[in-house]
């Protein structure tokens, strides 16, 4: 039987406790820096501070990820800031090689009673996009 370990804690201090090259797979969706209210995390940093924070957790992630491991990153963007996921990918390029990119354009999503489509303040559908990146420590 395959064993899975899930860790729910601060990403930087939590990964610092893990041995190097001990993780096969990381799937993460860090705060998008869109001003969303999270518990103790400030989701409203200036752009450079946010990118610096991303580099900090990515450096720890790189340290703990096995050479043949994979890292899936889900990053959302606001219509006013659609390039943020690409800026993050560029900021991480000396740590990881981007393997695949998946774009989810939410304006063409199908609403359900459990997941209604997001709306703007005036009631119009919100245009938003989420980007998923698949990264590896090496090019495969």
N, C-alpha and C. Protein backbone atom coordinates (compact mmCIF):
# COMPACT_ATOMS: atom_id res chain seq x y z
N UNK A 1 0.84 -1.17 0.00
CA UNK A 1 0.00 0.00 0.00
C UNK A 1 0.89 1.25 0.00
N UNK A 2 0.54 2.22 -0.81
CA UNK A 2 1.28 3.47 -0.89
C UNK A 2 0.94 4.35 0.30
N UNK A 3 1.96 4.95 0.88
CA UNK A 3 1.76 5.85 2.00
C UNK A 3 1.91 7.29 1.52
N UNK A 4 1.01 8.14 1.97
CA UNK A 4 1.07 9.56 1.66
C UNK A 4 1.18 10.34 2.95
N UNK A 5 2.00 11.36 2.94
CA UNK A 5 2.10 12.26 4.08
C UNK A 5 1.62 13.63 3.64
N UNK A 6 0.68 14.19 4.38
CA UNK A 6 0.18 15.53 4.10
C UNK A 6 0.65 16.45 5.22
N UNK A 7 1.10 17.62 4.85
CA UNK A 7 1.59 18.59 5.82
C UNK A 7 0.79 19.87 5.68
N UNK A 8 0.18 20.31 6.76
CA UNK A 8 -0.59 21.54 6.77
C UNK A 8 0.06 22.46 7.79
N UNK A 9 0.91 23.35 7.30
CA UNK A 9 1.64 24.27 8.17
C UNK A 9 2.25 25.37 7.33
N UNK A 10 2.88 26.32 7.96
CA UNK A 10 3.57 27.37 7.21
C UNK A 10 4.55 26.70 6.25
N UNK A 11 4.48 27.08 4.99
CA UNK A 11 5.25 26.36 3.97
C UNK A 11 6.76 26.49 4.16
N UNK A 12 7.24 27.64 4.53
CA UNK A 12 8.69 27.83 4.62
C UNK A 12 9.26 27.13 5.85
N UNK A 13 8.67 27.36 7.02
CA UNK A 13 9.19 26.71 8.23
C UNK A 13 8.91 25.21 8.21
N UNK A 14 7.78 24.81 7.65
CA UNK A 14 7.46 23.39 7.57
C UNK A 14 8.43 22.63 6.69
N UNK A 15 8.73 23.18 5.52
CA UNK A 15 9.67 22.50 4.62
C UNK A 15 11.08 22.50 5.18
N UNK A 16 11.43 23.52 5.98
CA UNK A 16 12.77 23.57 6.57
C UNK A 16 13.01 22.38 7.49
N UNK A 17 11.95 21.78 8.01
CA UNK A 17 12.08 20.62 8.90
C UNK A 17 12.22 19.30 8.14
N UNK A 18 11.96 19.31 6.85
CA UNK A 18 12.01 18.08 6.06
C UNK A 18 13.43 17.82 5.54
N UNK A 19 13.82 16.56 5.42
CA UNK A 19 15.13 16.27 4.84
C UNK A 19 15.16 16.61 3.35
N UNK A 20 16.35 16.92 2.85
CA UNK A 20 16.52 17.24 1.44
C UNK A 20 16.16 16.07 0.54
N UNK A 21 15.64 16.39 -0.63
CA UNK A 21 15.27 15.41 -1.65
C UNK A 21 14.45 14.25 -1.07
N UNK A 22 13.43 14.60 -0.28
CA UNK A 22 12.61 13.58 0.37
C UNK A 22 11.15 13.58 -0.10
N UNK A 23 10.82 14.48 -1.02
CA UNK A 23 9.42 14.64 -1.44
C UNK A 23 9.29 14.30 -2.92
N UNK A 24 8.29 13.48 -3.25
CA UNK A 24 8.05 13.09 -4.65
C UNK A 24 7.20 14.09 -5.41
N UNK A 25 6.21 14.67 -4.73
CA UNK A 25 5.23 15.50 -5.41
C UNK A 25 4.76 16.62 -4.50
N UNK A 26 4.67 17.82 -5.06
CA UNK A 26 4.09 18.96 -4.36
C UNK A 26 3.00 19.55 -5.25
N UNK A 27 1.82 19.71 -4.69
CA UNK A 27 0.71 20.39 -5.35
C UNK A 27 0.34 21.54 -4.43
N UNK A 28 0.45 22.77 -4.92
CA UNK A 28 0.22 23.91 -4.05
C UNK A 28 -0.52 25.03 -4.76
N UNK A 29 -1.25 25.78 -3.99
CA UNK A 29 -1.97 26.95 -4.47
C UNK A 29 -1.76 28.06 -3.44
N UNK A 30 -0.61 28.73 -3.53
CA UNK A 30 -0.32 29.76 -2.52
C UNK A 30 -1.25 30.97 -2.69
N UNK A 31 -1.30 31.84 -1.70
CA UNK A 31 -2.08 33.07 -1.85
C UNK A 31 -1.66 33.81 -3.13
N UNK A 32 -2.65 34.39 -3.81
CA UNK A 32 -2.41 35.02 -5.12
C UNK A 32 -2.01 36.49 -5.03
N UNK A 33 -1.96 37.05 -3.83
CA UNK A 33 -1.65 38.47 -3.63
C UNK A 33 -2.75 39.35 -4.23
N UNK A 34 -3.99 38.93 -4.02
CA UNK A 34 -5.15 39.68 -4.53
C UNK A 34 -5.92 40.39 -3.43
N UNK A 35 -5.38 40.41 -2.21
CA UNK A 35 -6.06 41.08 -1.10
C UNK A 35 -7.10 40.22 -0.42
N UNK A 36 -7.04 38.91 -0.60
CA UNK A 36 -7.99 38.00 0.04
C UNK A 36 -7.63 37.89 1.52
N UNK A 37 -8.63 37.85 2.38
CA UNK A 37 -8.38 37.77 3.82
C UNK A 37 -8.10 36.32 4.22
N UNK A 38 -6.85 36.07 4.56
CA UNK A 38 -6.44 34.78 5.10
C UNK A 38 -6.17 35.00 6.58
N UNK A 39 -6.01 33.94 7.34
CA UNK A 39 -5.76 34.04 8.77
C UNK A 39 -4.68 35.05 9.14
N UNK A 40 -3.43 34.63 9.13
CA UNK A 40 -2.34 35.48 9.57
C UNK A 40 -1.52 36.03 8.40
N UNK A 41 -1.78 35.60 7.20
CA UNK A 41 -0.98 36.00 6.04
C UNK A 41 -1.54 37.26 5.41
N UNK A 42 -0.65 38.21 5.10
CA UNK A 42 -1.05 39.43 4.40
C UNK A 42 -1.04 39.15 2.90
N UNK A 43 -2.21 39.19 2.28
CA UNK A 43 -2.33 38.91 0.85
C UNK A 43 -2.32 40.20 0.03
N UNK A 44 -1.70 41.23 0.54
CA UNK A 44 -1.63 42.51 -0.16
C UNK A 44 -0.21 43.05 0.01
N UNK A 45 0.73 42.42 -0.68
CA UNK A 45 2.12 42.87 -0.64
C UNK A 45 2.44 43.62 -1.92
N UNK A 46 3.48 44.44 -1.87
CA UNK A 46 3.92 45.04 -3.13
C UNK A 46 4.49 43.91 -3.99
N UNK A 47 4.53 44.13 -5.29
CA UNK A 47 4.88 43.08 -6.26
C UNK A 47 6.23 42.43 -5.95
N UNK A 48 7.25 43.23 -5.68
CA UNK A 48 8.59 42.68 -5.43
C UNK A 48 8.63 41.86 -4.15
N UNK A 49 7.93 42.30 -3.10
CA UNK A 49 7.88 41.53 -1.85
C UNK A 49 7.20 40.19 -2.08
N UNK A 50 6.12 40.20 -2.85
CA UNK A 50 5.40 38.96 -3.14
C UNK A 50 6.28 38.00 -3.94
N UNK A 51 6.96 38.50 -4.97
CA UNK A 51 7.84 37.64 -5.76
C UNK A 51 8.99 37.11 -4.91
N UNK A 52 9.50 37.94 -3.99
CA UNK A 52 10.57 37.51 -3.08
C UNK A 52 10.07 36.38 -2.18
N UNK A 53 8.84 36.53 -1.65
CA UNK A 53 8.25 35.49 -0.82
C UNK A 53 8.09 34.19 -1.61
N UNK A 54 7.66 34.30 -2.86
CA UNK A 54 7.53 33.11 -3.72
C UNK A 54 8.87 32.42 -3.90
N UNK A 55 9.93 33.21 -4.07
CA UNK A 55 11.26 32.62 -4.22
C UNK A 55 11.70 31.92 -2.94
N UNK A 56 11.31 32.46 -1.78
CA UNK A 56 11.69 31.83 -0.51
C UNK A 56 11.06 30.45 -0.37
N UNK A 57 9.74 30.35 -0.61
CA UNK A 57 9.14 29.02 -0.47
C UNK A 57 9.58 28.09 -1.59
N UNK A 58 9.82 28.64 -2.78
CA UNK A 58 10.26 27.80 -3.90
C UNK A 58 11.67 27.25 -3.66
N UNK A 59 12.53 28.02 -3.01
CA UNK A 59 13.88 27.53 -2.71
C UNK A 59 13.81 26.35 -1.73
N UNK A 60 12.94 26.44 -0.74
CA UNK A 60 12.76 25.32 0.19
C UNK A 60 12.16 24.12 -0.55
N UNK A 61 11.20 24.40 -1.40
CA UNK A 61 10.56 23.33 -2.17
C UNK A 61 11.59 22.61 -3.04
N UNK A 62 12.44 23.38 -3.67
CA UNK A 62 13.49 22.79 -4.53
C UNK A 62 14.42 21.91 -3.70
N UNK A 63 14.73 22.35 -2.49
CA UNK A 63 15.62 21.59 -1.62
C UNK A 63 15.02 20.24 -1.24
N UNK A 64 13.71 20.20 -0.96
CA UNK A 64 13.09 18.96 -0.48
C UNK A 64 12.59 18.06 -1.62
N UNK A 65 12.43 18.60 -2.82
CA UNK A 65 11.88 17.81 -3.93
C UNK A 65 12.95 16.88 -4.51
N UNK A 66 12.59 15.63 -4.71
CA UNK A 66 13.51 14.67 -5.33
C UNK A 66 13.81 15.11 -6.76
N UNK A 67 14.97 14.71 -7.27
CA UNK A 67 15.35 15.12 -8.63
C UNK A 67 14.36 14.66 -9.68
N UNK A 68 13.69 13.54 -9.45
CA UNK A 68 12.69 13.07 -10.41
C UNK A 68 11.27 13.44 -9.97
N UNK A 69 11.16 14.33 -8.99
CA UNK A 69 9.86 14.75 -8.48
C UNK A 69 9.21 15.80 -9.36
N UNK A 70 7.96 16.11 -9.03
CA UNK A 70 7.20 17.13 -9.76
C UNK A 70 6.57 18.11 -8.79
N UNK A 71 6.33 19.30 -9.28
CA UNK A 71 5.77 20.39 -8.50
C UNK A 71 4.69 21.04 -9.36
N UNK A 72 3.45 21.02 -8.88
CA UNK A 72 2.33 21.64 -9.58
C UNK A 72 1.93 22.90 -8.83
N UNK A 73 1.94 24.01 -9.52
CA UNK A 73 1.65 25.32 -8.93
C UNK A 73 0.39 25.89 -9.55
N UNK A 74 -0.58 26.20 -8.72
CA UNK A 74 -1.83 26.83 -9.15
C UNK A 74 -1.79 28.29 -8.71
N UNK A 75 -1.78 29.19 -9.67
CA UNK A 75 -1.73 30.63 -9.38
C UNK A 75 -2.85 31.32 -10.13
N UNK A 76 -3.64 32.09 -9.43
CA UNK A 76 -4.70 32.87 -10.06
C UNK A 76 -4.23 34.27 -10.37
N UNK A 77 -4.97 34.94 -11.21
CA UNK A 77 -4.64 36.31 -11.58
C UNK A 77 -5.93 37.11 -11.71
N UNK A 78 -5.83 38.36 -11.40
CA UNK A 78 -6.97 39.27 -11.58
C UNK A 78 -6.91 39.83 -13.00
N UNK A 79 -8.05 40.24 -13.55
CA UNK A 79 -8.04 40.83 -14.89
C UNK A 79 -7.08 42.01 -15.00
N UNK A 80 -6.90 42.75 -13.92
CA UNK A 80 -6.00 43.90 -13.94
C UNK A 80 -4.53 43.48 -13.84
N UNK A 81 -4.27 42.21 -13.56
CA UNK A 81 -2.91 41.74 -13.35
C UNK A 81 -2.73 40.35 -13.96
N UNK A 82 -2.99 40.18 -15.26
CA UNK A 82 -2.98 38.84 -15.86
C UNK A 82 -1.60 38.22 -16.01
N UNK A 83 -0.54 39.00 -15.88
CA UNK A 83 0.81 38.47 -16.10
C UNK A 83 1.45 37.88 -14.85
N UNK A 84 0.81 38.01 -13.69
CA UNK A 84 1.43 37.54 -12.45
C UNK A 84 1.88 36.08 -12.51
N UNK A 85 1.06 35.13 -12.97
CA UNK A 85 1.54 33.74 -13.02
C UNK A 85 2.81 33.58 -13.86
N UNK A 86 2.90 34.34 -14.93
CA UNK A 86 4.08 34.26 -15.80
C UNK A 86 5.30 34.87 -15.12
N UNK A 87 5.08 35.96 -14.37
CA UNK A 87 6.19 36.57 -13.62
C UNK A 87 6.72 35.60 -12.57
N UNK A 88 5.83 34.86 -11.93
CA UNK A 88 6.26 33.88 -10.93
C UNK A 88 7.06 32.77 -11.61
N UNK A 89 6.59 32.28 -12.74
CA UNK A 89 7.33 31.24 -13.48
C UNK A 89 8.72 31.74 -13.84
N UNK A 90 8.83 33.00 -14.26
CA UNK A 90 10.14 33.57 -14.59
C UNK A 90 11.01 33.69 -13.34
N UNK A 91 10.41 34.07 -12.22
CA UNK A 91 11.17 34.22 -10.97
C UNK A 91 11.72 32.88 -10.48
N UNK A 92 11.09 31.78 -10.87
CA UNK A 92 11.51 30.46 -10.40
C UNK A 92 12.36 29.71 -11.41
N UNK A 93 12.68 30.33 -12.54
CA UNK A 93 13.32 29.60 -13.63
C UNK A 93 14.73 29.10 -13.32
N UNK A 94 15.42 29.67 -12.34
CA UNK A 94 16.73 29.12 -11.99
C UNK A 94 16.62 27.96 -11.00
N UNK A 95 15.41 27.72 -10.49
CA UNK A 95 15.17 26.61 -9.56
C UNK A 95 14.49 25.42 -10.24
N UNK A 96 13.61 25.72 -11.20
CA UNK A 96 12.78 24.69 -11.83
C UNK A 96 12.68 24.92 -13.33
N UNK A 97 12.36 23.85 -14.04
CA UNK A 97 12.09 23.94 -15.48
C UNK A 97 10.59 23.74 -15.67
N UNK A 98 9.94 24.73 -16.27
CA UNK A 98 8.51 24.63 -16.54
C UNK A 98 8.28 23.56 -17.59
N UNK A 99 7.44 22.58 -17.27
CA UNK A 99 7.17 21.47 -18.17
C UNK A 99 5.88 21.66 -18.95
N UNK A 100 4.84 22.13 -18.29
CA UNK A 100 3.52 22.28 -18.90
C UNK A 100 2.80 23.46 -18.25
N UNK A 101 1.91 24.08 -19.00
CA UNK A 101 1.06 25.15 -18.48
C UNK A 101 -0.38 24.84 -18.86
N UNK A 102 -1.26 24.95 -17.88
CA UNK A 102 -2.70 24.73 -18.10
C UNK A 102 -3.41 26.02 -17.72
N UNK A 103 -4.23 26.55 -18.62
CA UNK A 103 -5.00 27.76 -18.33
C UNK A 103 -6.46 27.40 -18.14
N UNK A 104 -7.03 27.89 -17.07
CA UNK A 104 -8.45 27.71 -16.79
C UNK A 104 -9.09 29.08 -16.89
N UNK A 105 -9.79 29.35 -17.96
CA UNK A 105 -10.47 30.62 -18.16
C UNK A 105 -11.85 30.48 -17.53
N UNK A 106 -12.03 31.10 -16.37
CA UNK A 106 -13.24 30.87 -15.59
C UNK A 106 -14.49 31.50 -16.20
N UNK A 107 -14.34 32.42 -17.13
CA UNK A 107 -15.52 33.02 -17.75
C UNK A 107 -16.29 32.01 -18.59
N UNK A 108 -15.66 30.89 -18.92
CA UNK A 108 -16.36 29.85 -19.68
C UNK A 108 -16.66 28.64 -18.80
N UNK A 109 -16.56 28.82 -17.49
CA UNK A 109 -16.86 27.73 -16.56
C UNK A 109 -18.36 27.51 -16.47
N UNK A 110 -18.74 26.36 -16.00
CA UNK A 110 -20.15 26.02 -15.83
C UNK A 110 -20.49 26.13 -14.35
N UNK A 111 -21.47 26.95 -14.05
CA UNK A 111 -21.87 27.15 -12.66
C UNK A 111 -22.66 25.95 -12.15
N UNK A 112 -22.49 25.66 -10.89
CA UNK A 112 -23.30 24.64 -10.22
C UNK A 112 -23.84 25.26 -8.94
N UNK A 113 -24.72 24.57 -8.27
CA UNK A 113 -25.24 25.14 -7.02
C UNK A 113 -24.16 25.18 -5.95
N UNK A 114 -23.11 24.36 -6.09
CA UNK A 114 -22.02 24.36 -5.13
C UNK A 114 -20.91 25.33 -5.51
N UNK A 115 -20.85 25.70 -6.77
CA UNK A 115 -19.77 26.56 -7.25
C UNK A 115 -20.32 27.56 -8.26
N UNK A 116 -20.97 28.63 -7.78
CA UNK A 116 -21.50 29.62 -8.71
C UNK A 116 -20.36 30.39 -9.38
N UNK A 117 -20.64 30.94 -10.54
CA UNK A 117 -19.63 31.74 -11.23
C UNK A 117 -19.40 33.03 -10.46
N UNK A 118 -18.14 33.49 -10.38
CA UNK A 118 -17.88 34.75 -9.69
C UNK A 118 -18.50 35.92 -10.44
N UNK A 119 -18.90 36.94 -9.69
CA UNK A 119 -19.52 38.12 -10.30
C UNK A 119 -18.80 39.37 -9.83
N UNK A 120 -18.84 40.40 -10.68
CA UNK A 120 -18.32 41.70 -10.31
C UNK A 120 -19.35 42.39 -9.42
N UNK A 121 -18.98 43.54 -8.86
CA UNK A 121 -19.89 44.28 -7.98
C UNK A 121 -21.19 44.66 -8.67
N UNK A 122 -21.14 44.91 -10.00
CA UNK A 122 -22.35 45.30 -10.72
C UNK A 122 -23.19 44.10 -11.16
N UNK A 123 -22.77 42.88 -10.78
CA UNK A 123 -23.52 41.68 -11.12
C UNK A 123 -23.09 41.00 -12.40
N UNK A 124 -22.22 41.65 -13.18
CA UNK A 124 -21.74 41.06 -14.43
C UNK A 124 -20.77 39.92 -14.11
N UNK A 125 -20.66 38.92 -14.99
CA UNK A 125 -19.71 37.83 -14.74
C UNK A 125 -18.28 38.36 -14.62
N UNK A 126 -17.55 37.85 -13.67
CA UNK A 126 -16.16 38.26 -13.48
C UNK A 126 -15.28 37.49 -14.45
N UNK A 127 -14.43 38.20 -15.11
CA UNK A 127 -13.45 37.56 -16.00
C UNK A 127 -12.22 37.26 -15.16
N UNK A 128 -11.85 36.03 -15.05
CA UNK A 128 -10.65 35.68 -14.31
C UNK A 128 -10.04 34.44 -14.93
N UNK A 129 -8.79 34.24 -14.62
CA UNK A 129 -8.07 33.11 -15.18
C UNK A 129 -7.17 32.54 -14.10
N UNK A 130 -7.05 31.25 -14.06
CA UNK A 130 -6.14 30.57 -13.16
C UNK A 130 -5.14 29.81 -14.00
N UNK A 131 -3.88 29.87 -13.61
CA UNK A 131 -2.83 29.18 -14.34
C UNK A 131 -2.25 28.09 -13.46
N UNK A 132 -2.07 26.92 -14.03
CA UNK A 132 -1.44 25.81 -13.35
C UNK A 132 -0.12 25.56 -14.05
N UNK A 133 0.96 25.49 -13.32
CA UNK A 133 2.26 25.16 -13.91
C UNK A 133 2.76 23.84 -13.37
N UNK A 134 3.32 23.02 -14.24
CA UNK A 134 3.95 21.76 -13.84
C UNK A 134 5.45 21.98 -13.99
N UNK A 135 6.18 21.89 -12.89
CA UNK A 135 7.61 22.15 -12.86
C UNK A 135 8.36 20.90 -12.42
N UNK A 136 9.61 20.79 -12.85
CA UNK A 136 10.51 19.74 -12.39
C UNK A 136 11.87 20.37 -12.15
N UNK A 137 12.69 19.76 -11.27
CA UNK A 137 14.03 20.30 -11.05
C UNK A 137 14.90 20.22 -12.30
N UNK A 138 14.60 19.26 -13.17
CA UNK A 138 15.39 19.08 -14.39
C UNK A 138 14.46 19.03 -15.58
N UNK A 139 15.00 19.25 -16.77
CA UNK A 139 14.19 19.15 -17.98
C UNK A 139 13.99 17.68 -18.31
N UNK A 140 12.74 17.30 -18.53
CA UNK A 140 12.50 15.88 -18.83
C UNK A 140 11.87 15.71 -20.19
